[in-house]
Each structure stands twice: as structure tokens, then as C-alpha cells.
Amino acid sequence: DALKHFSVVVLNSASGEFLTPEQQAAFQRFVARGGGV
């Protein structure tokens, strides 16, 4: 629901395992449908 508002995610020195498995799955879907990183 949140990621549909964005075209690109900037990971600004984001480090470590900062996503739960469910959050990473949402990130994967974001990239798979054309979201930029």
C-alpha cells in the first residue's frame, strides 16, 4: 500500500538486515513491477 505511491526507492547507506521477510517480499514485488532502486 505504501510503495504504490513511489516510483523509486533510494537506499541511503541503509545497512544490515533492516526488513522483515514480509517487508522484503513487498520490496521484491515493487522491483518486479518496475519500481526503481
Full PDB file with SEQRES, HELIX, SHEET, SSBOND, CRYST1, ORIGX, SCALE, CONECT and MASTER records, all heavy atoms in Angstrom:
SEQRES   1 A   37  ASP ALA LEU LYS HIS PHE SER VAL VAL VAL LEU ASN SER          
SEQRES   2 A   37  ALA SER GLY GLU PHE LEU THR PRO GLU GLN GLN ALA ALA          
SEQRES   3 A   37  PHE GLN ARG PHE VAL ALA ARG GLY GLY GLY VAL                  
HELIX    1 AA1 LEU A    3  HIS A    5  5                                   3    
HELIX    2 AA2 PRO A   21  ALA A   32  1                                  12    
CRYST1    1.000    1.000    1.000  90.00  90.00  90.00 P 1           1          
ORIGX1      1.000000  0.000000  0.000000        0.00000                         
ORIGX2      0.000000  1.000000  0.000000        0.00000                         
ORIGX3      0.000000  0.000000  1.000000        0.00000                         
SCALE1      1.000000  0.000000  0.000000        0.00000                         
SCALE2      0.000000  1.000000  0.000000        0.00000                         
SCALE3      0.000000  0.000000  1.000000        0.00000                         
ATOM      1  N   ASP A   1       0.819  -1.209   0.000  1.00  0.00           N  
ATOM      2  CA  ASP A   1       0.000   0.000   0.000  1.00  0.00           C  
ATOM      3  C   ASP A   1       0.853   1.259   0.000  1.00  0.00           C  
ATOM      4  O   ASP A   1       0.530   2.239  -0.685  1.00  0.00           O  
ATOM      5  CB  ASP A   1      -0.936   0.003   1.211  1.00  0.00           C  
ATOM      6  CG  ASP A   1      -2.074  -0.995   1.077  1.00  0.00           C  
ATOM      7  OD1 ASP A   1      -2.365  -1.406  -0.066  1.00  0.00           O  
ATOM      8  OD2 ASP A   1      -2.659  -1.372   2.112  1.00  0.00           O  
ATOM      9  N   ALA A   2       1.948   1.252   0.773  1.00  0.00           N  
ATOM     10  CA  ALA A   2       2.815   2.432   0.819  1.00  0.00           C  
ATOM     11  C   ALA A   2       3.664   2.554  -0.444  1.00  0.00           C  
ATOM     12  O   ALA A   2       3.789   3.635  -1.027  1.00  0.00           O  
ATOM     13  CB  ALA A   2       3.711   2.373   2.055  1.00  0.00           C  
ATOM     14  N   LEU A   3       4.242   1.444  -0.894  1.00  0.00           N  
ATOM     15  CA  LEU A   3       5.164   1.501  -2.026  1.00  0.00           C  
ATOM     16  C   LEU A   3       4.483   1.902  -3.328  1.00  0.00           C  
ATOM     17  O   LEU A   3       5.143   2.404  -4.239  1.00  0.00           O  
ATOM     18  CB  LEU A   3       5.870   0.157  -2.189  1.00  0.00           C  
ATOM     19  CG  LEU A   3       6.876  -0.197  -1.088  1.00  0.00           C  
ATOM     20  CD1 LEU A   3       7.434  -1.596  -1.311  1.00  0.00           C  
ATOM     21  CD2 LEU A   3       8.010   0.821  -1.022  1.00  0.00           C  
ATOM     22  N   LYS A   4       3.179   1.718  -3.440  1.00  0.00           N  
ATOM     23  CA  LYS A   4       2.491   2.102  -4.685  1.00  0.00           C  
ATOM     24  C   LYS A   4       2.512   3.607  -4.908  1.00  0.00           C  
ATOM     25  O   LYS A   4       2.242   4.073  -6.014  1.00  0.00           O  
ATOM     26  CB  LYS A   4       1.058   1.587  -4.676  1.00  0.00           C  
ATOM     27  CG  LYS A   4       0.136   2.282  -3.684  1.00  0.00           C  
ATOM     28  CD  LYS A   4      -1.260   1.661  -3.704  1.00  0.00           C  
ATOM     29  CE  LYS A   4      -2.196   2.373  -2.727  1.00  0.00           C  
ATOM     30  NZ  LYS A   4      -3.534   1.717  -2.696  1.00  0.00           N  
ATOM     31  N   HIS A   5       2.895   4.389  -3.881  1.00  0.00           N  
ATOM     32  CA  HIS A   5       2.967   5.840  -4.007  1.00  0.00           C  
ATOM     33  C   HIS A   5       4.330   6.314  -4.533  1.00  0.00           C  
ATOM     34  O   HIS A   5       4.525   7.522  -4.721  1.00  0.00           O  
ATOM     35  CB  HIS A   5       2.698   6.500  -2.661  1.00  0.00           C  
ATOM     36  CG  HIS A   5       1.290   6.318  -2.170  1.00  0.00           C  
ATOM     37  ND1 HIS A   5       0.234   7.076  -2.620  1.00  0.00           N  
ATOM     38  CD2 HIS A   5       0.773   5.423  -1.284  1.00  0.00           C  
ATOM     39  CE1 HIS A   5      -0.875   6.686  -2.024  1.00  0.00           C  
ATOM     40  NE2 HIS A   5      -0.587   5.670  -1.220  1.00  0.00           N  
ATOM     41  N   PHE A   6       5.255   5.378  -4.755  1.00  0.00           N  
ATOM     42  CA  PHE A   6       6.624   5.758  -5.112  1.00  0.00           C  
ATOM     43  C   PHE A   6       7.059   5.094  -6.412  1.00  0.00           C  
ATOM     44  O   PHE A   6       6.696   3.954  -6.696  1.00  0.00           O  
ATOM     45  CB  PHE A   6       7.583   5.383  -3.989  1.00  0.00           C  
ATOM     46  CG  PHE A   6       7.274   6.070  -2.688  1.00  0.00           C  
ATOM     47  CD1 PHE A   6       6.514   5.435  -1.709  1.00  0.00           C  
ATOM     48  CD2 PHE A   6       7.714   7.354  -2.448  1.00  0.00           C  
ATOM     49  CE1 PHE A   6       6.204   6.064  -0.519  1.00  0.00           C  
ATOM     50  CE2 PHE A   6       7.401   8.004  -1.258  1.00  0.00           C  
ATOM     51  CZ  PHE A   6       6.645   7.361  -0.287  1.00  0.00           C  
ATOM     52  N   SER A   7       7.867   5.829  -7.171  1.00  0.00           N  
ATOM     53  CA  SER A   7       8.476   5.277  -8.380  1.00  0.00           C  
ATOM     54  C   SER A   7       9.880   4.757  -8.125  1.00  0.00           C  
ATOM     55  O   SER A   7      10.368   3.909  -8.868  1.00  0.00           O  
ATOM     56  CB  SER A   7       8.539   6.349  -9.477  1.00  0.00           C  
ATOM     57  OG  SER A   7       7.267   6.686  -9.934  1.00  0.00           O  
ATOM     58  N   VAL A   8      10.537   5.295  -7.098  1.00  0.00           N  
ATOM     59  CA  VAL A   8      11.923   4.900  -6.837  1.00  0.00           C  
ATOM     60  C   VAL A   8      12.177   4.909  -5.334  1.00  0.00           C  
ATOM     61  O   VAL A   8      11.672   5.768  -4.603  1.00  0.00           O  
ATOM     62  CB  VAL A   8      12.921   5.831  -7.573  1.00  0.00           C  
ATOM     63  CG1 VAL A   8      12.712   7.284  -7.201  1.00  0.00           C  
ATOM     64  CG2 VAL A   8      14.357   5.427  -7.323  1.00  0.00           C  
ATOM     65  N   VAL A   9      12.936   3.920  -4.884  1.00  0.00           N  
ATOM     66  CA  VAL A   9      13.413   3.847  -3.504  1.00  0.00           C  
ATOM     67  C   VAL A   9      14.902   4.155  -3.499  1.00  0.00           C  
ATOM     68  O   VAL A   9      15.671   3.525  -4.240  1.00  0.00           O  
ATOM     69  CB  VAL A   9      13.173   2.448  -2.904  1.00  0.00           C  
ATOM     70  CG1 VAL A   9      13.846   2.326  -1.536  1.00  0.00           C  
ATOM     71  CG2 VAL A   9      11.676   2.163  -2.785  1.00  0.00           C  
ATOM     72  N   VAL A  10      15.315   5.129  -2.696  1.00  0.00           N  
ATOM     73  CA  VAL A  10      16.730   5.434  -2.508  1.00  0.00           C  
ATOM     74  C   VAL A  10      17.165   4.841  -1.176  1.00  0.00           C  
ATOM     75  O   VAL A  10      16.633   5.211  -0.121  1.00  0.00           O  
ATOM     76  CB  VAL A  10      16.998   6.948  -2.523  1.00  0.00           C  
ATOM     77  CG1 VAL A  10      18.497   7.218  -2.353  1.00  0.00           C  
ATOM     78  CG2 VAL A  10      16.494   7.583  -3.815  1.00  0.00           C  
ATOM     79  N   LEU A  11      18.091   3.901  -1.218  1.00  0.00           N  
ATOM     80  CA  LEU A  11      18.642   3.288  -0.008  1.00  0.00           C  
ATOM     81  C   LEU A  11      19.911   4.046   0.357  1.00  0.00           C  
ATOM     82  O   LEU A  11      20.989   3.792  -0.180  1.00  0.00           O  
ATOM     83  CB  LEU A  11      18.928   1.807  -0.250  1.00  0.00           C  
ATOM     84  CG  LEU A  11      17.708   0.959  -0.633  1.00  0.00           C  
ATOM     85  CD1 LEU A  11      18.136  -0.456  -1.009  1.00  0.00           C  
ATOM     86  CD2 LEU A  11      16.687   0.927   0.496  1.00  0.00           C  
ATOM     87  N   ASN A  12      19.755   5.021   1.229  1.00  0.00           N  
ATOM     88  CA  ASN A  12      20.844   5.937   1.552  1.00  0.00           C  
ATOM     89  C   ASN A  12      21.693   5.372   2.694  1.00  0.00           C  
ATOM     90  O   ASN A  12      21.441   5.644   3.869  1.00  0.00           O  
ATOM     91  CB  ASN A  12      20.280   7.314   1.922  1.00  0.00           C  
ATOM     92  CG  ASN A  12      21.386   8.336   2.117  1.00  0.00           C  
ATOM     93  OD1 ASN A  12      22.510   8.151   1.658  1.00  0.00           O  
ATOM     94  ND2 ASN A  12      21.065   9.421   2.801  1.00  0.00           N  
ATOM     95  N   SER A  13      22.682   4.575   2.331  1.00  0.00           N  
ATOM     96  CA  SER A  13      23.529   3.864   3.301  1.00  0.00           C  
ATOM     97  C   SER A  13      22.697   3.040   4.273  1.00  0.00           C  
ATOM     98  O   SER A  13      23.098   2.823   5.424  1.00  0.00           O  
ATOM     99  CB  SER A  13      24.457   4.831   4.058  1.00  0.00           C  
ATOM    100  OG  SER A  13      25.625   5.084   3.314  1.00  0.00           O  
ATOM    101  N   ALA A  14      21.535   2.574   3.822  1.00  0.00           N  
ATOM    102  CA  ALA A  14      20.760   1.616   4.623  1.00  0.00           C  
ATOM    103  C   ALA A  14      21.603   0.352   4.776  1.00  0.00           C  
ATOM    104  O   ALA A  14      22.111  -0.179   3.790  1.00  0.00           O  
ATOM    105  CB  ALA A  14      19.435   1.312   3.936  1.00  0.00           C  
ATOM    106  N   SER A  15      21.748  -0.117   6.004  1.00  0.00           N  
ATOM    107  CA  SER A  15      22.672  -1.230   6.241  1.00  0.00           C  
ATOM    108  C   SER A  15      22.041  -2.277   7.141  1.00  0.00           C  
ATOM    109  O   SER A  15      21.064  -2.025   7.845  1.00  0.00           O  
ATOM    110  CB  SER A  15      23.972  -0.716   6.870  1.00  0.00           C  
ATOM    111  OG  SER A  15      23.710  -0.149   8.142  1.00  0.00           O  
ATOM    112  N   GLY A  16      22.636  -3.460   7.111  1.00  0.00           N  
ATOM    113  CA  GLY A  16      22.145  -4.559   7.921  1.00  0.00           C  
ATOM    114  C   GLY A  16      20.856  -5.136   7.361  1.00  0.00           C  
ATOM    115  O   GLY A  16      20.337  -4.689   6.342  1.00  0.00           O  
ATOM    116  N   GLU A  17      20.347  -6.147   8.048  1.00  0.00           N  
ATOM    117  CA  GLU A  17      19.067  -6.746   7.656  1.00  0.00           C  
ATOM    118  C   GLU A  17      17.961  -5.904   8.287  1.00  0.00           C  
ATOM    119  O   GLU A  17      17.567  -6.130   9.426  1.00  0.00           O  
ATOM    120  CB  GLU A  17      19.009  -8.192   8.118  1.00  0.00           C  
ATOM    121  CG  GLU A  17      19.981  -9.104   7.386  1.00  0.00           C  
ATOM    122  CD  GLU A  17      19.624  -9.253   5.912  1.00  0.00           C  
ATOM    123  OE1 GLU A  17      18.846 -10.146   5.575  1.00  0.00           O  
ATOM    124  OE2 GLU A  17      20.138  -8.453   5.093  1.00  0.00           O  
ATOM    125  N   PHE A  18      17.468  -4.910   7.546  1.00  0.00           N  
ATOM    126  CA  PHE A  18      16.545  -3.932   8.113  1.00  0.00           C  
ATOM    127  C   PHE A  18      15.091  -4.202   7.736  1.00  0.00           C  
ATOM    128  O   PHE A  18      14.208  -3.430   8.114  1.00  0.00           O  
ATOM    129  CB  PHE A  18      16.937  -2.505   7.705  1.00  0.00           C  
ATOM    130  CG  PHE A  18      16.945  -2.258   6.222  1.00  0.00           C  
ATOM    131  CD1 PHE A  18      15.821  -1.743   5.592  1.00  0.00           C  
ATOM    132  CD2 PHE A  18      18.085  -2.504   5.468  1.00  0.00           C  
ATOM    133  CE1 PHE A  18      15.825  -1.501   4.231  1.00  0.00           C  
ATOM    134  CE2 PHE A  18      18.095  -2.259   4.107  1.00  0.00           C  
ATOM    135  CZ  PHE A  18      16.955  -1.758   3.485  1.00  0.00           C  
ATOM    136  N   LEU A  19      14.827  -5.291   6.999  1.00  0.00           N  
ATOM    137  CA  LEU A  19      13.469  -5.630   6.603  1.00  0.00           C  
ATOM    138  C   LEU A  19      13.078  -7.009   7.130  1.00  0.00           C  
ATOM    139  O   LEU A  19      13.910  -7.931   7.140  1.00  0.00           O  
ATOM    140  CB  LEU A  19      13.342  -5.626   5.074  1.00  0.00           C  
ATOM    141  CG  LEU A  19      13.642  -4.316   4.346  1.00  0.00           C  
ATOM    142  CD1 LEU A  19      13.508  -4.518   2.842  1.00  0.00           C  
ATOM    143  CD2 LEU A  19      12.731  -3.194   4.825  1.00  0.00           C  
ATOM    144  N   THR A  20      11.826  -7.143   7.533  1.00  0.00           N  
ATOM    145  CA  THR A  20      11.292  -8.463   7.860  1.00  0.00           C  
ATOM    146  C   THR A  20      11.089  -9.231   6.551  1.00  0.00           C  
ATOM    147  O   THR A  20      11.099  -8.641   5.467  1.00  0.00           O  
ATOM    148  CB  THR A  20       9.943  -8.341   8.585  1.00  0.00           C  
ATOM    149  OG1 THR A  20       8.973  -7.807   7.664  1.00  0.00           O  
ATOM    150  CG2 THR A  20      10.044  -7.441   9.807  1.00  0.00           C  
ATOM    151  N   PRO A  21      10.888 -10.549   6.599  1.00  0.00           N  
ATOM    152  CA  PRO A  21      10.620 -11.293   5.359  1.00  0.00           C  
ATOM    153  C   PRO A  21       9.423 -10.736   4.587  1.00  0.00           C  
ATOM    154  O   PRO A  21       9.459 -10.672   3.348  1.00  0.00           O  
ATOM    155  CB  PRO A  21      10.359 -12.714   5.863  1.00  0.00           C  
ATOM    156  CG  PRO A  21      11.158 -12.822   7.120  1.00  0.00           C  
ATOM    157  CD  PRO A  21      11.043 -11.464   7.753  1.00  0.00           C  
ATOM    158  N   GLU A  22       8.371 -10.317   5.277  1.00  0.00           N  
ATOM    159  CA  GLU A  22       7.202  -9.766   4.595  1.00  0.00           C  
ATOM    160  C   GLU A  22       7.529  -8.435   3.926  1.00  0.00           C  
ATOM    161  O   GLU A  22       7.070  -8.157   2.805  1.00  0.00           O  
ATOM    162  CB  GLU A  22       6.058  -9.579   5.587  1.00  0.00           C  
ATOM    163  CG  GLU A  22       5.500 -10.872   6.161  1.00  0.00           C  
ATOM    164  CD  GLU A  22       6.372 -11.466   7.261  1.00  0.00           C  
ATOM    165  OE1 GLU A  22       7.299 -10.757   7.751  1.00  0.00           O  
ATOM    166  OE2 GLU A  22       6.142 -12.634   7.632  1.00  0.00           O  
ATOM    167  N   GLN A  23       8.335  -7.602   4.592  1.00  0.00           N  
ATOM    168  CA  GLN A  23       8.721  -6.310   4.019  1.00  0.00           C  
ATOM    169  C   GLN A  23       9.636  -6.506   2.813  1.00  0.00           C  
ATOM    170  O   GLN A  23       9.507  -5.799   1.799  1.00  0.00           O  
ATOM    171  CB  GLN A  23       9.388  -5.459   5.094  1.00  0.00           C  
ATOM    172  CG  GLN A  23       8.423  -5.017   6.182  1.00  0.00           C  
ATOM    173  CD  GLN A  23       9.115  -4.614   7.468  1.00  0.00           C  
ATOM    174  OE1 GLN A  23      10.347  -4.517   7.548  1.00  0.00           O  
ATOM    175  NE2 GLN A  23       8.326  -4.365   8.512  1.00  0.00           N  
ATOM    176  N   GLN A  24      10.560  -7.464   2.910  1.00  0.00           N  
ATOM    177  CA  GLN A  24      11.413  -7.728   1.754  1.00  0.00           C  
ATOM    178  C   GLN A  24      10.595  -8.250   0.581  1.00  0.00           C  
ATOM    179  O   GLN A  24      10.859  -7.905  -0.575  1.00  0.00           O  
ATOM    180  CB  GLN A  24      12.507  -8.729   2.094  1.00  0.00           C  
ATOM    181  CG  GLN A  24      13.430  -8.973   0.901  1.00  0.00           C  
ATOM    182  CD  GLN A  24      14.551  -9.909   1.212  1.00  0.00           C  
ATOM    183  OE1 GLN A  24      15.558  -9.495   1.763  1.00  0.00           O  
ATOM    184  NE2 GLN A  24      14.379 -11.185   0.865  1.00  0.00           N  
ATOM    185  N   ALA A  25       9.594  -9.076   0.848  1.00  0.00           N  
ATOM    186  CA  ALA A  25       8.738  -9.574  -0.230  1.00  0.00           C  
ATOM    187  C   ALA A  25       8.020  -8.427  -0.924  1.00  0.00           C  
ATOM    188  O   ALA A  25       7.876  -8.432  -2.154  1.00  0.00           O  
ATOM    189  CB  ALA A  25       7.736 -10.584   0.319  1.00  0.00           C  
ATOM    190  N   ALA A  26       7.579  -7.435  -0.156  1.00  0.00           N  
ATOM    191  CA  ALA A  26       6.944  -6.256  -0.758  1.00  0.00           C  
ATOM    192  C   ALA A  26       7.949  -5.475  -1.602  1.00  0.00           C  
ATOM    193  O   ALA A  26       7.603  -4.967  -2.677  1.00  0.00           O  
ATOM    194  CB  ALA A  26       6.357  -5.369   0.339  1.00  0.00           C  
ATOM    195  N   PHE A  27       9.182  -5.381  -1.129  1.00  0.00           N  
ATOM    196  CA  PHE A  27      10.246  -4.710  -1.893  1.00  0.00           C  
ATOM    197  C   PHE A  27      10.501  -5.461  -3.201  1.00  0.00           C  
ATOM    198  O   PHE A  27      10.639  -4.847  -4.270  1.00  0.00           O  
ATOM    199  CB  PHE A  27      11.506  -4.648  -1.039  1.00  0.00           C  
ATOM    200  CG  PHE A  27      12.599  -3.755  -1.569  1.00  0.00           C  
ATOM    201  CD1 PHE A  27      12.367  -2.802  -2.540  1.00  0.00           C  
ATOM    202  CD2 PHE A  27      13.893  -3.877  -1.063  1.00  0.00           C  
ATOM    203  CE1 PHE A  27      13.392  -1.975  -3.002  1.00  0.00           C  
ATOM    204  CE2 PHE A  27      14.917  -3.076  -1.521  1.00  0.00           C  
ATOM    205  CZ  PHE A  27      14.669  -2.120  -2.492  1.00  0.00           C  
ATOM    206  N   GLN A  28      10.555  -6.773  -3.146  1.00  0.00           N  
ATOM    207  CA  GLN A  28      10.751  -7.571  -4.351  1.00  0.00           C  
ATOM    208  C   GLN A  28       9.621  -7.341  -5.351  1.00  0.00           C  
ATOM    209  O   GLN A  28       9.867  -7.203  -6.557  1.00  0.00           O  
ATOM    210  CB  GLN A  28      10.829  -9.058  -3.991  1.00  0.00           C  
ATOM    211  CG  GLN A  28      12.083  -9.440  -3.229  1.00  0.00           C  
ATOM    212  CD  GLN A  28      12.124 -10.912  -2.877  1.00  0.00           C  
ATOM    213  OE1 GLN A  28      12.356 -11.289  -1.736  1.00  0.00           O  
ATOM    214  NE2 GLN A  28      11.919 -11.774  -3.853  1.00  0.00           N  
ATOM    215  N   ARG A  29       8.384  -7.291  -4.872  1.00  0.00           N  
ATOM    216  CA  ARG A  29       7.252  -7.049  -5.772  1.00  0.00           C  
ATOM    217  C   ARG A  29       7.333  -5.656  -6.386  1.00  0.00           C  
ATOM    218  O   ARG A  29       6.994  -5.461  -7.560  1.00  0.00           O  
ATOM    219  CB  ARG A  29       5.936  -7.236  -5.021  1.00  0.00           C  
ATOM    220  CG  ARG A  29       5.630  -8.678  -4.651  1.00  0.00           C  
ATOM    221  CD  ARG A  29       4.209  -8.858  -4.144  1.00  0.00           C  
ATOM    222  NE  ARG A  29       3.978  -8.206  -2.862  1.00  0.00           N  
ATOM    223  CZ  ARG A  29       4.171  -8.790  -1.678  1.00  0.00           C  
ATOM    224  NH1 ARG A  29       4.630 -10.046  -1.596  1.00  0.00           N  
ATOM    225  NH2 ARG A  29       3.920  -8.134  -0.565  1.00  0.00           N  
ATOM    226  N   PHE A  30       7.803  -4.700  -5.595  1.00  0.00           N  
ATOM    227  CA  PHE A  30       7.975  -3.329  -6.094  1.00  0.00           C  
ATOM    228  C   PHE A  30       8.929  -3.305  -7.286  1.00  0.00           C  
ATOM    229  O   PHE A  30       8.637  -2.696  -8.328  1.00  0.00           O  
ATOM    230  CB  PHE A  30       8.504  -2.448  -4.958  1.00  0.00           C  
ATOM    231  CG  PHE A  30       8.922  -1.059  -5.358  1.00  0.00           C  
ATOM    232  CD1 PHE A  30       7.975  -0.064  -5.525  1.00  0.00           C  
ATOM    233  CD2 PHE A  30      10.260  -0.749  -5.535  1.00  0.00           C  
ATOM    234  CE1 PHE A  30       8.363   1.224  -5.880  1.00  0.00           C  
ATOM    235  CE2 PHE A  30      10.656   0.523  -5.883  1.00  0.00           C  
ATOM    236  CZ  PHE A  30       9.706   1.522  -6.059  1.00  0.00           C  
ATOM    237  N   VAL A  31      10.075  -3.970  -7.157  1.00  0.00           N  
ATOM    238  CA  VAL A  31      11.059  -4.002  -8.244  1.00  0.00           C  
ATOM    239  C   VAL A  31      10.528  -4.816  -9.423  1.00  0.00           C  
ATOM    240  O   VAL A  31      10.712  -4.448 -10.588  1.00  0.00           O  
ATOM    241  CB  VAL A  31      12.404  -4.559  -7.737  1.00  0.00           C  
ATOM    242  CG1 VAL A  31      13.405  -4.706  -8.882  1.00  0.00           C  
ATOM    243  CG2 VAL A  31      12.977  -3.658  -6.643  1.00  0.00           C  
ATOM    244  N   ALA A  32       9.842  -5.917  -9.140  1.00  0.00           N  
ATOM    245  CA  ALA A  32       9.327  -6.786 -10.204  1.00  0.00           C  
ATOM    246  C   ALA A  32       8.293  -6.089 -11.072  1.00  0.00           C  
ATOM    247  O   ALA A  32       8.169  -6.391 -12.270  1.00  0.00           O  
ATOM    248  CB  ALA A  32       8.731  -8.056  -9.598  1.00  0.00           C  
ATOM    249  N   ARG A  33       7.558  -5.141 -10.489  1.00  0.00           N  
ATOM    250  CA  ARG A  33       6.558  -4.442 -11.305  1.00  0.00           C  
ATOM    251  C   ARG A  33       7.093  -3.148 -11.912  1.00  0.00           C  
ATOM    252  O   ARG A  33       6.342  -2.386 -12.527  1.00  0.00           O  
ATOM    253  CB  ARG A  33       5.297  -4.161 -10.480  1.00  0.00           C  
ATOM    254  CG  ARG A  33       5.451  -3.218  -9.315  1.00  0.00           C  
ATOM    255  CD  ARG A  33       4.083  -2.945  -8.651  1.00  0.00           C  
ATOM    256  NE  ARG A  33       4.214  -2.092  -7.485  1.00  0.00           N  
ATOM    257  CZ  ARG A  33       4.247  -2.520  -6.229  1.00  0.00           C  
ATOM    258  NH1 ARG A  33       4.150  -3.824  -5.986  1.00  0.00           N  
ATOM    259  NH2 ARG A  33       4.367  -1.669  -5.221  1.00  0.00           N  
ATOM    260  N   GLY A  34       8.394  -2.889 -11.729  1.00  0.00           N  
ATOM    261  CA  GLY A  34       9.020  -1.760 -12.407  1.00  0.00           C  
ATOM    262  C   GLY A  34       9.501  -0.645 -11.520  1.00  0.00           C  
ATOM    263  O   GLY A  34       9.969   0.383 -12.015  1.00  0.00           O  
ATOM    264  N   GLY A  35       9.413  -0.813 -10.195  1.00  0.00           N  
ATOM    265  CA  GLY A  35       9.923   0.212  -9.293  1.00  0.00           C  
ATOM    266  C   GLY A  35      11.433   0.286  -9.323  1.00  0.00           C  
ATOM    267  O   GLY A  35      12.128  -0.731  -9.420  1.00  0.00           O  
ATOM    268  N   GLY A  36      11.977   1.504  -9.278  1.00  0.00           N  
ATOM    269  CA  GLY A  36      13.418   1.699  -9.370  1.00  0.00           C  
ATOM    270  C   GLY A  36      14.094   1.731  -8.014  1.00  0.00           C  
ATOM    271  O   GLY A  36      13.462   2.004  -6.988  1.00  0.00           O  
ATOM    272  N   VAL A  37      15.401   1.456  -8.013  1.00  0.00           N  
ATOM    273  CA  VAL A  37      16.203   1.467  -6.787  1.00  0.00           C  
ATOM    274  C   VAL A  37      17.496   2.222  -7.051  1.00  0.00           C  
ATOM    275  O   VAL A  37      18.178   1.974  -8.054  1.00  0.00           O  
ATOM    276  CB  VAL A  37      16.538   0.044  -6.309  1.00  0.00           C  
ATOM    277  CG1 VAL A  37      17.390   0.086  -5.030  1.00  0.00           C  
ATOM    278  CG2 VAL A  37      15.281  -0.774  -6.081  1.00  0.00           C  
TER     279      VAL A  37                                                      
MASTER        0    0    0    2    0    0    0    6  278    1    0    3          
END                                                                             
